[in-house]
Amino acid sequence: MIEFDLNANDCEALIRHCESFEPAGDDPREKRRLQDALETLREALVSHLNESATSAENT
């Protein structure tokens, strides 16, 4: 498990990068693995951002 210590701006920038990145190369399996990894990272970042927002609302 990875814990993030990111501010909202950095988190949002990484989410946008995960969504827009197009892997280069000729190996479709490697491209798919990278796309899957970036999607997993994006989901974790969105979750972190949502948890941070909820935590800030509760304080």
N, C-alpha and C. Protein backbone atom coordinates (compact mmCIF):
# COMPACT_ATOMS: atom_id res chain seq x y z
N MET A 1 0.83 -1.17 0.00
CA MET A 1 0.00 0.00 0.00
C MET A 1 0.88 1.24 0.00
N ILE A 2 0.46 2.23 -0.74
CA ILE A 2 1.19 3.48 -0.83
C ILE A 2 0.38 4.56 -0.15
N GLU A 3 1.05 5.37 0.67
CA GLU A 3 0.40 6.52 1.28
C GLU A 3 0.87 7.77 0.57
N PHE A 4 -0.07 8.66 0.28
CA PHE A 4 0.27 9.89 -0.41
C PHE A 4 0.33 11.04 0.58
N ASP A 5 1.30 11.91 0.40
CA ASP A 5 1.41 13.14 1.16
C ASP A 5 1.49 14.26 0.13
N LEU A 6 0.35 14.52 -0.52
CA LEU A 6 0.28 15.49 -1.61
C LEU A 6 -0.75 16.56 -1.30
N ASN A 7 -0.46 17.78 -1.76
CA ASN A 7 -1.49 18.80 -1.66
C ASN A 7 -2.47 18.60 -2.81
N ALA A 8 -3.61 19.26 -2.75
CA ALA A 8 -4.67 19.05 -3.75
C ALA A 8 -4.21 19.40 -5.16
N ASN A 9 -3.44 20.48 -5.31
CA ASN A 9 -2.99 20.89 -6.65
C ASN A 9 -2.09 19.83 -7.28
N ASP A 10 -1.14 19.31 -6.50
CA ASP A 10 -0.24 18.28 -7.02
C ASP A 10 -1.02 17.01 -7.35
N CYS A 11 -1.95 16.66 -6.49
CA CYS A 11 -2.76 15.46 -6.71
C CYS A 11 -3.58 15.60 -7.99
N GLU A 12 -4.21 16.74 -8.18
CA GLU A 12 -5.00 16.96 -9.39
C GLU A 12 -4.14 16.95 -10.64
N ALA A 13 -2.93 17.50 -10.55
CA ALA A 13 -2.02 17.49 -11.70
C ALA A 13 -1.64 16.06 -12.08
N LEU A 14 -1.36 15.23 -11.07
CA LEU A 14 -1.02 13.83 -11.35
C LEU A 14 -2.21 13.07 -11.94
N ILE A 15 -3.40 13.36 -11.45
CA ILE A 15 -4.60 12.72 -12.00
C ILE A 15 -4.76 13.06 -13.47
N ARG A 16 -4.60 14.35 -13.80
CA ARG A 16 -4.70 14.76 -15.21
C ARG A 16 -3.64 14.07 -16.06
N HIS A 17 -2.44 13.95 -15.53
CA HIS A 17 -1.36 13.28 -16.27
C HIS A 17 -1.70 11.80 -16.50
N CYS A 18 -2.21 11.14 -15.48
CA CYS A 18 -2.60 9.73 -15.63
C CYS A 18 -3.67 9.56 -16.70
N GLU A 19 -4.59 10.52 -16.76
CA GLU A 19 -5.70 10.43 -17.71
C GLU A 19 -5.26 10.72 -19.14
N SER A 20 -4.24 11.55 -19.32
CA SER A 20 -3.88 11.98 -20.68
C SER A 20 -2.64 11.28 -21.24
N PHE A 21 -1.88 10.59 -20.43
CA PHE A 21 -0.63 10.00 -20.89
C PHE A 21 -0.89 8.89 -21.91
N GLU A 22 -0.17 8.93 -23.00
CA GLU A 22 -0.24 7.90 -24.04
C GLU A 22 1.11 7.20 -24.11
N PRO A 23 1.18 5.94 -23.71
CA PRO A 23 2.47 5.24 -23.72
C PRO A 23 2.99 5.06 -25.14
N ALA A 24 4.30 5.19 -25.28
CA ALA A 24 4.96 4.97 -26.56
C ALA A 24 5.55 3.57 -26.57
N GLY A 25 5.95 3.14 -27.73
CA GLY A 25 6.59 1.83 -27.84
C GLY A 25 5.80 0.90 -28.74
N ASP A 26 6.43 -0.22 -29.05
CA ASP A 26 5.84 -1.17 -29.99
C ASP A 26 5.20 -2.38 -29.33
N ASP A 27 5.41 -2.55 -28.04
CA ASP A 27 4.90 -3.75 -27.35
C ASP A 27 3.52 -3.45 -26.77
N PRO A 28 2.46 -4.01 -27.38
CA PRO A 28 1.11 -3.73 -26.89
C PRO A 28 0.89 -4.23 -25.46
N ARG A 29 1.54 -5.32 -25.08
CA ARG A 29 1.38 -5.82 -23.70
C ARG A 29 1.97 -4.84 -22.70
N GLU A 30 3.13 -4.29 -23.02
CA GLU A 30 3.76 -3.31 -22.13
C GLU A 30 2.92 -2.03 -22.06
N LYS A 31 2.38 -1.60 -23.17
CA LYS A 31 1.49 -0.42 -23.18
C LYS A 31 0.28 -0.66 -22.29
N ARG A 32 -0.32 -1.85 -22.41
CA ARG A 32 -1.50 -2.19 -21.61
C ARG A 32 -1.17 -2.21 -20.13
N ARG A 33 -0.01 -2.80 -19.77
CA ARG A 33 0.40 -2.84 -18.36
C ARG A 33 0.57 -1.42 -17.82
N LEU A 34 1.20 -0.55 -18.60
CA LEU A 34 1.39 0.82 -18.16
C LEU A 34 0.05 1.55 -18.04
N GLN A 35 -0.83 1.35 -18.99
CA GLN A 35 -2.16 1.97 -18.91
C GLN A 35 -2.92 1.48 -17.68
N ASP A 36 -2.83 0.18 -17.41
CA ASP A 36 -3.50 -0.37 -16.22
C ASP A 36 -2.90 0.21 -14.94
N ALA A 37 -1.58 0.31 -14.90
CA ALA A 37 -0.92 0.86 -13.71
C ALA A 37 -1.30 2.32 -13.51
N LEU A 38 -1.35 3.09 -14.59
CA LEU A 38 -1.73 4.50 -14.47
C LEU A 38 -3.19 4.64 -14.05
N GLU A 39 -4.05 3.76 -14.50
CA GLU A 39 -5.45 3.80 -14.09
C GLU A 39 -5.58 3.47 -12.59
N THR A 40 -4.81 2.50 -12.13
CA THR A 40 -4.81 2.16 -10.71
C THR A 40 -4.29 3.34 -9.88
N LEU A 41 -3.22 3.98 -10.37
CA LEU A 41 -2.68 5.15 -9.69
C LEU A 41 -3.71 6.28 -9.67
N ARG A 42 -4.38 6.51 -10.78
CA ARG A 42 -5.40 7.55 -10.86
C ARG A 42 -6.51 7.31 -9.84
N GLU A 43 -6.96 6.07 -9.76
CA GLU A 43 -8.02 5.72 -8.80
C GLU A 43 -7.56 5.98 -7.37
N ALA A 44 -6.32 5.63 -7.06
CA ALA A 44 -5.79 5.86 -5.72
C ALA A 44 -5.67 7.35 -5.43
N LEU A 45 -5.25 8.13 -6.42
CA LEU A 45 -5.13 9.58 -6.24
C LEU A 45 -6.50 10.23 -6.03
N VAL A 46 -7.49 9.80 -6.80
CA VAL A 46 -8.85 10.33 -6.63
C VAL A 46 -9.35 9.99 -5.23
N SER A 47 -9.12 8.78 -4.80
CA SER A 47 -9.54 8.38 -3.46
C SER A 47 -8.85 9.23 -2.40
N HIS A 48 -7.56 9.44 -2.56
CA HIS A 48 -6.80 10.29 -1.63
C HIS A 48 -7.36 11.71 -1.60
N LEU A 49 -7.65 12.25 -2.77
CA LEU A 49 -8.19 13.60 -2.87
C LEU A 49 -9.55 13.69 -2.18
N ASN A 50 -10.39 12.69 -2.41
CA ASN A 50 -11.71 12.66 -1.77
C ASN A 50 -11.61 12.53 -0.25
N GLU A 51 -10.70 11.68 0.21
CA GLU A 51 -10.51 11.50 1.65
C GLU A 51 -9.99 12.79 2.28
N SER A 52 -9.09 13.47 1.60
CA SER A 52 -8.55 14.73 2.11
C SER A 52 -9.64 15.79 2.20
N ALA A 53 -10.49 15.84 1.18
CA ALA A 53 -11.58 16.81 1.18
C ALA A 53 -12.57 16.50 2.30
N THR A 54 -12.89 15.23 2.49
CA THR A 54 -13.81 14.83 3.56
C THR A 54 -13.22 15.14 4.93
N SER A 55 -11.93 14.87 5.08
CA SER A 55 -11.24 15.15 6.35
C SER A 55 -11.24 16.64 6.64
N ALA A 56 -11.03 17.46 5.63
CA ALA A 56 -11.01 18.91 5.81
C ALA A 56 -12.41 19.43 6.18
N GLU A 57 -13.44 18.82 5.63
CA GLU A 57 -14.80 19.23 5.93
C GLU A 57 -15.18 18.91 7.38
N ASN A 58 -14.62 17.84 7.89
CA ASN A 58 -14.95 17.39 9.24
C ASN A 58 -14.16 18.09 10.33
N THR A 59 -13.24 18.96 9.96
CA THR A 59 -12.45 19.66 10.99
C THR A 59 -12.92 21.07 11.19
